[in-house]
Amino acid sequence: MGIPWRWSVALLGITALAQPPAPPQSSQYEFRIANFKTESGTVLQEALVVYGTYGKLNAAKDNAILLPSHYMANYHGYEWLIGPGKALDPEKLFLVSTELFGNRGSSSPSNTPEPFHGPRFPVMTIRDNVEAVHQLLSREFGITHLQAVVGFSMGAEQAFQWAVSYPKFMDRIVATSGTAKCHPHGVIRLEGQIAAITADATFENGDYKAQPTKGLSAFGMVWAGWLYSQQWWRDELWKAGRPEATFETTMARFRDRFIPGADANNLILQCRTWEKHDVGTTPGFKGDLAKALGSIQVPVLYMPSETDMYFPVGDARYEAKFIPKVTLLPIPSLWGHTAGAASNPDDAKFLNANIGKFLAGN
């Protein structure tokens, strides 16, 4: 999703928009947790969470909104939602945007020393990420309540988990292009993408001496086949903002420059985090997805993309049946999964208008 003002959008291969606006002002920080015990039982001597903030926390500490990041994104991933005239105004709100474990900034296979370097890094769950950020909010800022958790894709997975794990911690949640469980079809897709990387002979079970470039190239092409709708390709929407683009150059971006500088083990780790997510396996629910969703106490704005092949709208409709205070509002878009991150002006307008109304209580 490669444009300076929307790094996360560049990582998903989304076509750059012409003359992007200046990014809102933000600051980057690090939060460290000693002896962080993961859900698997592994203990990291030190877990690092990278995060960014926008705006200022007020004296009452009641103007905070959490923006958890998505696949391989950094904290800039929600700047399509932040600024004057958008849903989130940093002049009034304190926005905390966190980075998932495995993104190469926060603790990851690539930046953790032995005994957990590379393929020995533990699989981190969505709940591991939520628990780490809960410590960040409470210990670093003294925040005991949020106005909202707003998440796209794996950020939406986190938003749902927050609503199940900490049902009174926020006033509402917003989930775009993401579900409360990675359903079996999603696991198949993710395993196919992992297989593309590991099939490269130079991968060497994750102990590679150089990045497995052929595997990473195959990974990018597999990713591209699922990212947008079939009509997006047929209508040549890759030309939006890039009239010089051709089908061949668009394919080449995925094959050769999908996520510049990405580490193979990091990519795999976040795929594992993604595919293992299920709010039904939260302690106390015994794998019952419907029961877990039924426990959500806050209003939920559920915004799947109508053409998403990662998190299909049918999965969202299924889950919405169990959520007591849900507004299911599909995004009418041809931009597939990326619609939930405002990859084009129409989707940006739709998202900002509806998220803004929802957060205002309308």
Foldseek 3Di string as FASTA:
>chain_A
DPDVQALVCLLLLFFDAAPDDDFADKDKDKDKDAQQQAPVRDTARIWIKIKMKAADQDPVSEQEEEEEAAQLGAQSNQSLQEDPPFLHDSPRHIYIYIYDQLSVPTPHLPPGDPPCHWPNPDQHALVSVLVVVVCVCCVVPVQQAYQEYEYAASSLLNRLLCLLVPQGRYQEYEYELYDVAQDPVLLVLLVVLLCLQVVQPQCVSGPHPDRSLRSQLSSLLSSVVQFFFPVCVVVVVSCNNPVVDDPVVSSCCSRHPSPPPDHSSSNSSSSSNNNGGASCPPPPNVNDRLVSQLSRDHAYEYEYECRARNCHVVNVVVSVVSHDRYDYHYQDDRRYSCLRSCSDPVSSVVVRVVSSCVSVVD
